[in-house]
Amino acid sequence: MGSTETMGGSRAAPQGRDRTIRLGLLAVWALAALWLAWHHVPWRDEVRALTIALSGDTTLDMLRNLHGEGHPALWYLLLRWTHAVIQSPIVLPIVAFALSAAAMTVLVLKSPFRLTTVALFMFGGLALFEYTVSARNYGISMLVLFVFAWLYPRWRDRGIVMGLVIFALCNTNVPANFLGAALVGFWLLDIFSEEGFRWSRKYGWWLANAAIAAAGAAVCFLTVFPTVHDAASIDHPGGLGLGDVIGALTTSVVAFPDLAAPAWFGTGFGSVLLTLLITGSLAGLLRSPAAFLTGAGVLMIFKLFYLLVYPGGYRHQGLLLVFLLTLYWLVAAGRGGAWPEKWSLIRRVADIAARIGGIAFILLLALQLAHSGRHMEAAMRGIPYSRVHDLANLLEREGLTEATVMSQPDVFAEPLPYYAGNPVWLLREQKYGTVVRFTNHARLDQSLDDILNDARRIAGETGKPVVILLKYHLDGTAPPRRYAEGYLGHFYSDPDQERRFLGATRRIARFEPAITDESYDVYLLTGG
């Protein structure tokens, strides 16, 4: 590409020395990812998925428990089925790494890109950590998108293979459904560039596969909705207006801040550069009408979704980057059509945009190295992703393996089942459990006295010790404080509450820092 010339152009599968170098690159990536995985401590979102996947006596029971969770079923099924063979929590990193390794193998050996492009993506924050080491369902989307790009030239006009691929994509995560719809649109525009309005068997195969893709989206919808997490969305007290929609569509960096280097978050320079790189990367596809239009469509939809419906993290925002790479792949393979010969001005502009856009996309990929470098540095310095492993070791060392654990906020205790079997009391929902519901039907305002009262009551009912995790440091002298806890309401305390709490407990550990917010003080109820 100039676009494709810059990023690799259309080329045959690697052979000889090139293949050997690529296999070596894959081996280096695998070693780096395994090293990070060895030092990784799973955090709440990872363990939460495993907890749900293993719930229920049957797969059908698990699917009932999953309903409304906010994610489709494919990731949970893979975890459950793999656990049936291995029967260990280690299935979490194993499945995540296996899926990502498969994606990297397809990218390395089947993509048309030069080694520079391949290496930048492989060792960026998405492929090296976010979709590989952090065991979430978003890594499956990367594999399925690469498989689509690889198989599309061979299977576009025959069979239902591509429809099944999109069906799977729609059941990896909710935003992936937008990507599935975009691929169906790309396919239609690709055929139209060849056939125009003349009916052919190609349209017939497209209709059959589009129906399969739509069925995949329907399965996802029925699994996800109605959601049990009524608090897990962006709140719009005054409702959504036209101004909100226009603002979201005309803003790039606000929806994708994590695609910038970490040091640039919130800086004016970083915002301008990231906007230029995202816009330029899209413009690099301008030679292909299908690729450019579907890329622009996904960019707009993601902006609306992340700014107006659900705030996207790096794993969500990264799907745009993977999708753009998939489109560049398809264009390099000669797919996506071309502008009519008579539209000479657009074709000339597209040639210039392709050259500049290809460079912009390379730079956007290069920015992701800062994310992986941050995780490498943290691992070398011994800073874990979460402190839950330290907590489990403390409970074992202090003879507290039967103690009830409660935490403020509740979600800090979600990863504990990966390492320990302690019962967990959910303060907001007033029940035992290991999966927190982000619901407004709970105790939305919670004080330090509420926590102390719950701890005393649970200790009296069970006759067992109670361990309390607190996000905030206490010293008994701080002024009254009130903290917003996102989906979890508010927490507040004052000096009197702090003194009562400190008089009835003993702090047995302070675990900090961590890459995530899962660092906390650990208290043991002493009954004072």
Protein backbone atom coordinates (compact mmCIF):
# COMPACT_ATOMS: atom_id res chain seq x y z
CA MET A 1 0.00 0.00 0.00
CA GLY A 2 1.30 3.54 -0.09
CA SER A 3 -0.99 2.48 2.23
CA THR A 4 -0.16 -0.92 0.84
CA GLU A 5 3.28 -0.12 -0.53
CA THR A 6 4.31 1.40 2.79
CA MET A 7 2.89 -1.46 4.80
CA GLY A 8 3.80 -4.37 2.64
CA GLY A 9 1.87 -4.42 -0.60
CA SER A 10 0.31 -7.50 -2.12
CA ARG A 11 2.70 -10.38 -1.71
CA ALA A 12 2.73 -14.14 -1.68
CA ALA A 13 3.02 -16.20 1.47
CA PRO A 14 6.52 -15.93 2.98
CA GLN A 15 9.05 -18.43 1.70
CA GLY A 16 12.63 -19.40 2.50
CA ARG A 17 14.67 -16.90 4.49
CA ASP A 18 11.70 -14.56 4.91
CA ARG A 19 9.64 -17.37 6.43
CA THR A 20 12.50 -18.28 8.78
CA ILE A 21 12.78 -14.68 9.98
CA ARG A 22 9.04 -14.51 10.53
CA LEU A 23 9.03 -17.73 12.53
CA GLY A 24 11.87 -16.32 14.61
CA LEU A 25 9.85 -13.16 15.19
CA LEU A 26 6.91 -15.28 16.29
CA ALA A 27 9.12 -17.17 18.72
CA VAL A 28 10.46 -13.94 20.25
CA TRP A 29 6.90 -12.66 20.64
CA ALA A 30 5.83 -15.91 22.31
CA LEU A 31 8.73 -15.76 24.78
CA ALA A 32 7.99 -12.12 25.64
CA ALA A 33 4.27 -12.80 26.09
CA LEU A 34 4.91 -15.89 28.22
CA TRP A 35 7.34 -13.92 30.39
CA LEU A 36 4.70 -11.25 30.97
CA ALA A 37 2.06 -13.92 31.62
CA TRP A 38 4.33 -15.57 34.20
CA HIS A 39 4.50 -12.28 36.13
CA HIS A 40 0.85 -11.42 35.62
CA VAL A 41 -1.67 -11.46 38.47
CA PRO A 42 -5.22 -11.75 37.07
CA TRP A 43 -7.48 -8.89 38.06
CA ARG A 44 -11.20 -8.82 38.68
CA ASP A 45 -12.52 -8.70 35.11
CA GLU A 46 -10.46 -11.75 34.15
CA VAL A 47 -11.41 -13.89 37.14
CA ARG A 48 -15.02 -12.75 36.99
CA ALA A 49 -15.36 -14.37 33.56
CA LEU A 50 -13.85 -17.63 34.81
CA THR A 51 -16.16 -17.62 37.85
CA ILE A 52 -19.21 -17.27 35.61
CA ALA A 53 -17.87 -19.81 33.10
CA LEU A 54 -17.55 -22.46 35.83
CA SER A 55 -20.90 -21.71 37.47
CA GLY A 56 -23.80 -24.15 37.25
CA ASP A 57 -23.84 -27.92 36.95
CA THR A 58 -24.29 -27.87 33.18
CA THR A 59 -23.38 -25.62 30.29
CA LEU A 60 -27.04 -24.62 30.04
CA ASP A 61 -26.98 -23.55 33.70
CA MET A 62 -23.89 -21.47 33.01
CA LEU A 63 -25.56 -19.77 30.05
CA ARG A 64 -28.51 -18.88 32.27
CA ASN A 65 -26.11 -17.34 34.77
CA LEU A 66 -24.37 -15.46 31.95
CA HIS A 67 -27.58 -13.96 30.60
CA GLY A 68 -27.57 -10.20 31.03
CA GLU A 69 -23.91 -10.06 32.07
CA GLY A 70 -23.04 -7.83 29.11
CA HIS A 71 -20.92 -10.27 27.09
CA PRO A 72 -21.79 -12.99 24.57
CA ALA A 73 -21.05 -16.62 25.31
CA LEU A 74 -18.07 -17.69 23.17
CA TRP A 75 -15.31 -16.78 25.66
CA TYR A 76 -17.18 -18.40 28.55
CA LEU A 77 -17.80 -21.59 26.58
CA LEU A 78 -14.11 -21.85 25.68
CA LEU A 79 -13.12 -21.43 29.34
CA ARG A 80 -15.66 -23.97 30.56
CA TRP A 81 -14.83 -26.58 27.94
CA THR A 82 -11.09 -26.19 28.47
CA HIS A 83 -11.53 -26.42 32.24
CA ALA A 84 -13.38 -29.71 31.77
CA VAL A 85 -10.09 -31.09 30.42
CA ILE A 86 -7.47 -29.28 32.54
CA GLN A 87 -9.58 -28.68 35.69
CA SER A 88 -7.45 -25.82 36.97
CA PRO A 89 -7.81 -22.02 37.06
CA ILE A 90 -4.73 -21.93 34.86
CA VAL A 91 -7.10 -22.37 31.91
CA LEU A 92 -7.53 -18.59 32.04
CA PRO A 93 -4.01 -17.68 30.83
CA ILE A 94 -3.76 -20.84 28.70
CA VAL A 95 -6.85 -20.09 26.60
CA ALA A 96 -5.96 -16.41 26.27
CA PHE A 97 -2.42 -17.15 25.12
CA ALA A 98 -3.49 -19.93 22.74
CA LEU A 99 -6.01 -17.68 20.98
CA SER A 100 -3.54 -14.82 20.66
CA ALA A 101 -0.76 -17.14 19.49
CA ALA A 102 -3.07 -18.44 16.77
CA ALA A 103 -3.82 -14.85 15.72
CA MET A 104 -0.12 -13.98 15.59
CA THR A 105 0.62 -17.10 13.56
CA VAL A 106 -1.98 -16.11 10.96
CA LEU A 107 -0.64 -12.54 10.91
CA VAL A 108 3.00 -13.59 10.57
CA LEU A 109 2.57 -16.33 7.99
CA LYS A 110 -0.51 -15.30 6.01
CA SER A 111 -0.67 -11.50 5.98
CA PRO A 112 0.72 -9.36 3.13
CA PHE A 113 2.56 -6.95 5.41
CA ARG A 114 6.26 -6.26 5.67
CA LEU A 115 8.11 -7.37 8.77
CA THR A 116 8.17 -3.84 10.16
CA THR A 117 4.38 -3.61 10.20
CA VAL A 118 4.00 -7.11 11.60
CA ALA A 119 6.57 -6.51 14.34
CA LEU A 120 5.07 -3.16 15.38
CA PHE A 121 1.67 -4.73 15.85
CA MET A 122 2.95 -7.90 17.53
CA PHE A 123 5.00 -6.07 20.15
CA GLY A 124 2.49 -3.30 20.76
CA GLY A 125 0.34 -3.11 23.85
CA LEU A 126 -2.62 -4.88 22.26
CA ALA A 127 -1.02 -8.03 20.87
CA LEU A 128 1.67 -8.43 23.52
CA PHE A 129 -0.41 -7.75 26.61
CA GLU A 130 -4.01 -6.56 26.36
CA TYR A 131 -5.26 -9.38 24.10
CA THR A 132 -2.79 -12.02 25.26
CA VAL A 133 -1.74 -11.72 28.90
CA SER A 134 -4.84 -9.98 30.22
CA ALA A 135 -7.25 -12.85 29.70
CA ARG A 136 -10.39 -11.28 28.26
CA ASN A 137 -12.77 -12.01 25.41
CA TYR A 138 -11.41 -9.23 23.19
CA GLY A 139 -8.45 -11.29 22.03
CA ILE A 140 -10.81 -13.67 20.23
CA SER A 141 -11.94 -10.76 18.05
CA MET A 142 -8.36 -10.23 16.91
CA LEU A 143 -8.04 -13.88 15.85
CA VAL A 144 -11.40 -13.95 14.07
CA LEU A 145 -10.70 -10.70 12.18
CA PHE A 146 -7.34 -12.01 10.97
CA VAL A 147 -8.93 -15.29 9.92
CA PHE A 148 -11.55 -13.33 7.98
CA ALA A 149 -8.87 -11.36 6.11
CA TRP A 150 -6.93 -14.53 5.35
CA LEU A 151 -9.89 -16.60 4.09
CA TYR A 152 -11.95 -13.91 2.40
CA PRO A 153 -10.28 -13.98 -1.06
CA ARG A 154 -10.76 -17.76 -1.29
CA TRP A 155 -14.24 -18.11 0.22
CA ARG A 156 -16.04 -14.88 -0.65
CA ASP A 157 -18.02 -16.34 -3.54
CA ARG A 158 -18.67 -19.88 -2.34
CA GLY A 159 -19.95 -21.63 0.73
CA ILE A 160 -20.85 -20.23 4.14
CA VAL A 161 -17.42 -20.19 5.74
CA MET A 162 -17.22 -16.42 5.89
CA GLY A 163 -20.71 -16.12 7.35
CA LEU A 164 -19.73 -18.51 10.12
CA VAL A 165 -16.59 -16.47 10.78
CA ILE A 166 -18.69 -13.32 11.22
CA PHE A 167 -21.15 -15.29 13.38
CA ALA A 168 -18.25 -16.12 15.69
CA LEU A 169 -17.02 -12.51 15.63
CA CYS A 170 -20.42 -11.24 16.78
CA ASN A 171 -20.23 -13.53 19.80
CA THR A 172 -16.84 -12.41 21.07
CA ASN A 173 -17.98 -9.07 22.57
CA VAL A 174 -20.63 -6.44 21.99
CA PRO A 175 -18.54 -3.88 20.01
CA ALA A 176 -17.47 -6.69 17.67
CA ASN A 177 -21.03 -6.75 16.34
CA PHE A 178 -20.36 -3.36 14.75
CA LEU A 179 -17.30 -4.88 13.11
CA GLY A 180 -19.34 -7.83 11.90
CA ALA A 181 -21.90 -5.50 10.31
CA ALA A 182 -19.06 -3.53 8.72
CA LEU A 183 -17.55 -6.68 7.19
CA VAL A 184 -20.93 -7.61 5.73
CA GLY A 185 -21.09 -4.09 4.26
CA PHE A 186 -17.53 -4.34 2.93
CA TRP A 187 -18.43 -7.63 1.24
CA LEU A 188 -21.49 -6.12 -0.45
CA LEU A 189 -19.57 -3.08 -1.72
CA ASP A 190 -16.76 -5.33 -2.92
CA ILE A 191 -19.19 -7.36 -5.02
CA PHE A 192 -20.95 -4.22 -6.26
CA SER A 193 -17.65 -2.86 -7.56
CA GLU A 194 -17.44 -5.95 -9.79
CA GLU A 195 -21.06 -6.68 -10.68
CA GLY A 196 -22.85 -3.35 -10.34
CA PHE A 197 -26.63 -3.75 -10.33
CA ARG A 198 -26.49 -6.96 -12.38
CA TRP A 199 -27.67 -9.95 -10.34
CA SER A 200 -25.19 -12.80 -10.00
CA ARG A 201 -24.50 -15.81 -7.81
CA LYS A 202 -22.08 -13.66 -5.85
CA TYR A 203 -25.02 -11.69 -4.45
CA GLY A 204 -26.77 -14.94 -3.61
CA TRP A 205 -23.84 -16.18 -1.56
CA TRP A 206 -23.61 -12.78 0.10
CA LEU A 207 -27.26 -12.96 1.15
CA ALA A 208 -26.82 -16.43 2.61
CA ASN A 209 -23.76 -15.42 4.59
CA ALA A 210 -25.31 -12.11 5.66
CA ALA A 211 -28.21 -14.09 7.12
CA ILE A 212 -25.77 -16.23 9.11
CA ALA A 213 -23.99 -13.11 10.33
CA ALA A 214 -27.33 -11.59 11.37
CA ALA A 215 -28.12 -14.77 13.30
CA GLY A 216 -24.82 -14.37 15.14
CA ALA A 217 -25.76 -10.82 16.11
CA ALA A 218 -29.18 -12.04 17.26
CA VAL A 219 -27.61 -14.73 19.47
CA CYS A 220 -25.36 -12.09 21.01
CA PHE A 221 -28.32 -9.78 21.64
CA LEU A 222 -30.37 -12.52 23.30
CA THR A 223 -27.41 -13.40 25.55
CA VAL A 224 -26.63 -9.84 26.58
CA PHE A 225 -30.09 -8.25 26.96
CA PRO A 226 -31.86 -7.38 29.12
CA THR A 227 -28.78 -6.49 31.14
CA VAL A 228 -28.57 -7.02 34.89
CA HIS A 229 -26.10 -4.12 35.12
CA ASP A 230 -28.50 -1.20 35.00
CA ALA A 231 -25.84 1.13 36.45
CA ALA A 232 -23.10 0.20 33.96
CA SER A 233 -23.64 2.86 31.34
CA ILE A 234 -22.95 6.51 30.78
CA ASP A 235 -25.57 8.56 32.60
CA HIS A 236 -27.38 11.28 30.66
CA PRO A 237 -29.69 12.94 33.22
CA GLY A 238 -31.14 15.33 30.65
CA GLY A 239 -31.37 12.74 27.90
CA LEU A 240 -29.47 12.63 24.64
CA GLY A 241 -29.85 15.48 22.19
CA LEU A 242 -28.65 16.25 18.69
CA GLY A 243 -25.81 18.30 20.15
CA ASP A 244 -24.52 15.27 22.06
CA VAL A 245 -24.50 13.17 18.89
CA ILE A 246 -22.79 15.86 16.80
CA GLY A 247 -20.20 16.41 19.51
CA ALA A 248 -19.41 12.71 19.66
CA LEU A 249 -19.09 12.41 15.88
CA THR A 250 -16.77 15.39 15.56
CA THR A 251 -14.44 14.31 18.36
CA SER A 252 -11.82 11.62 17.84
CA VAL A 253 -9.37 11.70 20.68
CA VAL A 254 -11.98 11.73 23.46
CA ALA A 255 -13.28 8.35 22.32
CA PHE A 256 -9.83 6.79 21.79
CA PRO A 257 -7.44 8.39 24.32
CA ASP A 258 -5.73 5.12 25.23
CA LEU A 259 -4.40 4.65 21.70
CA ALA A 260 -1.95 7.44 22.45
CA ALA A 261 1.28 6.85 24.35
CA PRO A 262 0.53 6.76 28.13
CA ALA A 263 2.64 9.87 28.77
CA TRP A 264 0.47 11.83 26.33
CA PHE A 265 -2.90 11.14 27.95
CA GLY A 266 -4.69 14.45 28.42
CA THR A 267 -1.98 16.59 26.77
CA GLY A 268 -2.76 18.95 23.92
CA PHE A 269 0.08 17.62 21.80
CA GLY A 270 -1.02 14.04 22.27
CA SER A 271 -4.63 14.88 21.44
CA VAL A 272 -3.76 16.64 18.20
CA LEU A 273 -1.29 13.96 17.08
CA LEU A 274 -3.64 11.10 17.89
CA THR A 275 -6.48 12.76 15.98
CA LEU A 276 -4.22 13.23 12.95
CA LEU A 277 -2.98 9.64 13.07
CA ILE A 278 -6.45 8.10 13.36
CA THR A 279 -7.81 10.32 10.59
CA GLY A 280 -4.74 9.69 8.45
CA SER A 281 -4.94 5.93 8.97
CA LEU A 282 -8.51 5.97 7.71
CA ALA A 283 -7.54 8.19 4.75
CA GLY A 284 -4.89 5.62 3.84
CA LEU A 285 -7.74 3.32 2.76
CA LEU A 286 -9.23 5.86 0.35
CA ARG A 287 -8.16 3.94 -2.75
CA SER A 288 -10.71 1.28 -1.84
CA PRO A 289 -14.31 2.51 -1.55
CA ALA A 290 -15.42 -0.52 0.47
CA ALA A 291 -12.53 -0.28 2.93
CA PHE A 292 -12.74 3.49 3.35
CA LEU A 293 -16.51 3.62 3.81
CA THR A 294 -16.68 0.71 6.26
CA GLY A 295 -13.66 2.03 8.16
CA ALA A 296 -15.31 5.44 8.46
CA GLY A 297 -18.56 3.80 9.54
CA VAL A 298 -16.87 1.85 12.33
CA LEU A 299 -14.99 4.95 13.49
CA MET A 300 -18.26 6.91 13.73
CA ILE A 301 -20.15 4.11 15.47
CA PHE A 302 -17.37 3.55 17.99
CA LYS A 303 -17.30 7.28 18.74
CA LEU A 304 -21.03 7.26 19.47
CA PHE A 305 -20.87 4.05 21.48
CA TYR A 306 -17.86 4.94 23.64
CA LEU A 307 -18.92 8.53 24.30
CA LEU A 308 -22.67 8.13 24.67
CA VAL A 309 -23.37 4.54 25.74
CA TYR A 310 -20.41 2.79 27.37
CA PRO A 311 -16.94 4.23 28.05
CA GLY A 312 -14.30 2.23 26.21
CA GLY A 313 -10.99 1.17 27.75
CA TYR A 314 -7.82 0.27 25.87
CA ARG A 315 -9.13 -3.21 25.05
CA HIS A 316 -12.29 -1.69 23.50
CA GLN A 317 -10.54 1.14 21.67
CA GLY A 318 -7.95 -1.28 20.32
CA LEU A 319 -10.62 -3.04 18.27
CA LEU A 320 -10.54 -0.04 15.92
CA LEU A 321 -6.83 -0.55 15.38
CA VAL A 322 -7.24 -4.28 14.69
CA PHE A 323 -10.12 -3.57 12.30
CA LEU A 324 -8.08 -1.01 10.38
CA LEU A 325 -5.26 -3.54 10.09
CA THR A 326 -7.79 -6.06 8.75
CA LEU A 327 -8.99 -3.57 6.14
CA TYR A 328 -5.42 -2.80 5.04
CA TRP A 329 -4.91 -6.55 4.72
CA LEU A 330 -7.99 -6.95 2.51
CA VAL A 331 -7.00 -4.00 0.33
CA ALA A 332 -3.48 -5.39 -0.08
CA ALA A 333 -5.09 -8.64 -1.23
CA GLY A 334 -6.83 -6.70 -4.01
CA ARG A 335 -10.25 -6.54 -2.35
CA GLY A 336 -12.55 -3.63 -1.66
CA GLY A 337 -13.03 -2.33 -5.18
CA ALA A 338 -11.80 0.90 -6.78
CA TRP A 339 -13.29 4.24 -7.75
CA PRO A 340 -14.61 4.45 -11.35
CA GLU A 341 -12.06 5.55 -13.96
CA LYS A 342 -14.09 8.68 -14.73
CA TRP A 343 -13.67 9.87 -11.12
CA SER A 344 -10.09 10.85 -11.85
CA LEU A 345 -9.89 13.56 -9.20
CA ILE A 346 -10.91 11.19 -6.41
CA ARG A 347 -8.45 8.61 -7.69
CA ARG A 348 -5.59 11.14 -7.64
CA VAL A 349 -6.52 12.31 -4.14
CA ALA A 350 -6.79 8.69 -3.03
CA ASP A 351 -3.26 7.95 -4.28
CA ILE A 352 -1.83 10.81 -2.24
CA ALA A 353 -3.93 9.92 0.83
CA ALA A 354 -2.82 6.30 0.59
CA ARG A 355 0.85 7.22 0.81
CA ILE A 356 0.39 9.61 3.72
CA GLY A 357 -2.19 7.42 5.46
CA GLY A 358 0.02 4.35 5.34
CA ILE A 359 2.71 6.27 7.20
CA ALA A 360 0.14 7.55 9.72
CA PHE A 361 -1.01 4.00 10.41
CA ILE A 362 2.57 2.82 10.93
CA LEU A 363 3.06 5.63 13.45
CA LEU A 364 -0.22 4.72 15.18
CA LEU A 365 1.03 1.14 15.52
CA ALA A 366 4.36 2.41 16.84
CA LEU A 367 2.59 4.36 19.59
CA GLN A 368 1.33 1.07 21.01
CA LEU A 369 4.91 0.06 21.89
CA ALA A 370 4.73 2.50 24.81
CA HIS A 371 1.92 0.43 26.34
CA SER A 372 3.81 -2.85 26.14
CA GLY A 373 6.95 -1.12 27.40
CA ARG A 374 5.02 0.06 30.46
CA HIS A 375 4.00 -3.51 31.27
CA MET A 376 7.53 -4.79 30.72
CA GLU A 377 8.91 -2.15 33.07
CA ALA A 378 6.29 -2.93 35.74
CA ALA A 379 7.08 -6.65 35.57
CA MET A 380 10.82 -5.98 35.92
CA ARG A 381 10.15 -3.71 38.90
CA GLY A 382 7.89 -6.28 40.54
CA ILE A 383 4.73 -4.16 40.37
CA PRO A 384 1.81 -6.57 39.85
CA TYR A 385 -1.38 -5.99 37.93
CA SER A 386 -3.38 -6.72 41.08
CA ARG A 387 -2.51 -7.35 44.73
CA VAL A 388 -4.88 -10.29 45.08
CA HIS A 389 -2.06 -12.86 45.04
CA ASP A 390 -0.41 -11.06 47.95
CA LEU A 391 -3.77 -11.07 49.74
CA ALA A 392 -4.21 -14.82 49.24
CA ASN A 393 -0.70 -15.47 50.56
CA LEU A 394 -1.45 -13.28 53.59
CA LEU A 395 -4.65 -15.16 54.37
CA GLU A 396 -2.75 -18.45 54.18
CA ARG A 397 0.15 -17.19 56.28
CA GLU A 398 -2.08 -15.68 58.98
CA GLY A 399 -4.31 -18.75 59.27
CA LEU A 400 -7.29 -16.87 57.83
CA THR A 401 -8.29 -19.30 55.11
CA GLU A 402 -11.80 -19.57 56.57
CA ALA A 403 -12.22 -15.86 57.21
CA THR A 404 -15.01 -13.98 55.48
CA VAL A 405 -13.59 -11.30 53.18
CA MET A 406 -15.38 -8.06 52.43
CA SER A 407 -14.03 -5.13 50.49
CA GLN A 408 -14.74 -1.54 49.70
CA PRO A 409 -15.39 -1.42 46.81
CA ASP A 410 -16.88 -4.91 46.46
CA VAL A 411 -15.17 -5.57 43.13
CA PHE A 412 -11.74 -5.77 44.78
CA ALA A 413 -12.68 -9.21 46.13
CA GLU A 414 -13.80 -10.61 42.75
CA PRO A 415 -10.37 -12.04 41.78
CA LEU A 416 -9.87 -13.78 45.14
CA PRO A 417 -11.42 -17.14 44.02
CA TYR A 418 -8.51 -17.57 41.58
CA TYR A 419 -6.14 -18.03 44.53
CA ALA A 420 -8.24 -18.72 47.66
CA GLY A 421 -11.56 -20.20 48.69
CA ASN A 422 -12.59 -17.68 51.33
CA PRO A 423 -16.27 -16.72 51.45
CA VAL A 424 -16.86 -13.18 50.18
CA TRP A 425 -19.53 -10.87 51.57
CA LEU A 426 -20.76 -8.26 49.07
CA LEU A 427 -21.39 -5.11 51.07
CA ARG A 428 -23.55 -3.28 48.56
CA GLU A 429 -25.80 -6.21 47.71
CA GLN A 430 -25.85 -7.62 51.26
CA LYS A 431 -25.19 -11.20 50.27
CA TYR A 432 -22.42 -13.76 49.78
CA GLY A 433 -21.06 -14.04 46.27
CA THR A 434 -18.08 -13.62 43.99
CA VAL A 435 -19.66 -11.70 41.10
CA VAL A 436 -20.72 -8.11 41.65
CA ARG A 437 -23.79 -6.75 39.88
CA PHE A 438 -23.52 -3.13 38.76
CA THR A 439 -27.04 -2.31 39.73
CA ASN A 440 -28.89 0.59 41.28
CA HIS A 441 -30.93 -1.91 43.31
CA ALA A 442 -28.33 -2.03 46.06
CA ARG A 443 -26.87 0.08 48.87
CA LEU A 444 -25.72 3.03 46.80
CA ASP A 445 -24.39 5.16 49.66
CA GLN A 446 -22.10 3.29 52.01
CA SER A 447 -20.27 4.58 55.07
CA LEU A 448 -17.39 3.24 57.07
CA ASP A 449 -19.83 2.57 59.91
CA ASP A 450 -21.93 0.43 57.54
CA ILE A 451 -18.87 -1.70 56.78
CA LEU A 452 -17.97 -2.08 60.45
CA ASN A 453 -21.53 -3.03 61.36
CA ASP A 454 -21.64 -5.66 58.59
CA ALA A 455 -18.31 -7.08 59.72
CA ARG A 456 -19.50 -7.42 63.33
CA ARG A 457 -22.76 -9.04 62.23
CA ILE A 458 -21.05 -11.55 59.92
CA ALA A 459 -18.51 -12.42 62.63
CA GLY A 460 -21.31 -13.06 65.09
CA GLU A 461 -23.27 -15.22 62.64
CA THR A 462 -20.33 -17.34 61.46
CA GLY A 463 -18.03 -17.38 64.47
CA LYS A 464 -15.17 -16.93 61.98
CA PRO A 465 -12.71 -14.04 61.48
CA VAL A 466 -13.61 -11.18 59.15
CA VAL A 467 -11.06 -9.52 56.86
CA ILE A 468 -11.82 -6.11 55.37
CA LEU A 469 -10.13 -4.55 52.33
CA LEU A 470 -10.22 -0.77 52.09
CA LYS A 471 -9.25 1.27 49.05
CA TYR A 472 -8.60 4.41 51.09
CA HIS A 473 -6.02 4.93 53.82
CA LEU A 474 -7.37 5.78 57.27
CA ASP A 475 -5.65 7.79 59.99
CA GLY A 476 -8.52 9.02 62.15
CA THR A 477 -7.82 12.68 61.46
CA ALA A 478 -8.92 13.23 57.86
CA PRO A 479 -11.89 15.58 57.25
CA PRO A 480 -15.21 14.13 56.13
CA ARG A 481 -14.78 12.50 52.74
CA ARG A 482 -17.20 11.36 50.05
CA TYR A 483 -15.97 9.36 47.07
CA ALA A 484 -17.83 8.49 43.87
CA GLU A 485 -17.24 4.81 43.07
CA GLY A 486 -18.35 4.71 39.44
CA TYR A 487 -21.04 2.07 38.98
CA LEU A 488 -20.90 1.32 42.73
CA GLY A 489 -22.45 4.43 44.24
CA HIS A 490 -20.63 6.46 46.89
CA PHE A 491 -18.47 5.83 49.94
CA TYR A 492 -18.09 8.30 52.77
CA SER A 493 -16.38 8.57 56.12
CA ASP A 494 -15.49 11.15 58.76
CA PRO A 495 -12.98 11.29 61.65
CA ASP A 496 -15.40 9.75 64.17
CA GLN A 497 -16.18 6.81 61.89
CA GLU A 498 -12.50 6.29 61.18
CA ARG A 499 -11.66 6.24 64.90
CA ARG A 500 -14.44 3.73 65.58
CA PHE A 501 -13.26 1.54 62.73
CA LEU A 502 -9.59 1.67 63.72
CA GLY A 503 -10.52 0.88 67.32
CA ALA A 504 -12.38 -2.27 66.26
CA THR A 505 -9.83 -3.57 63.73
CA ARG A 506 -6.14 -4.17 63.25
CA ARG A 507 -4.40 -3.38 59.99
CA ILE A 508 -2.42 -6.44 59.01
CA ALA A 509 -1.09 -5.34 55.62
CA ARG A 510 -0.87 -2.52 53.11
CA PHE A 511 -0.58 -3.75 49.53
CA GLU A 512 0.53 -1.12 47.05
CA PRO A 513 1.21 -0.16 44.34
CA ALA A 514 -0.48 -2.05 41.50
CA ILE A 515 -0.92 -1.33 37.80
CA THR A 516 -4.70 -1.38 38.24
CA ASP A 517 -6.57 0.15 41.15
CA GLU A 518 -6.47 -3.16 43.05
CA SER A 519 -4.22 -2.02 45.89
CA TYR A 520 -5.60 -1.69 49.40
CA ASP A 521 -5.17 -1.82 53.16
CA VAL A 522 -6.13 -5.09 54.82
CA TYR A 523 -7.81 -5.04 58.25
CA LEU A 524 -8.77 -7.84 60.62
CA LEU A 525 -11.82 -7.34 62.83
CA THR A 526 -10.74 -7.63 66.46
CA GLY A 527 -14.10 -6.89 68.08
CA GLY A 528 -13.20 -3.65 69.87
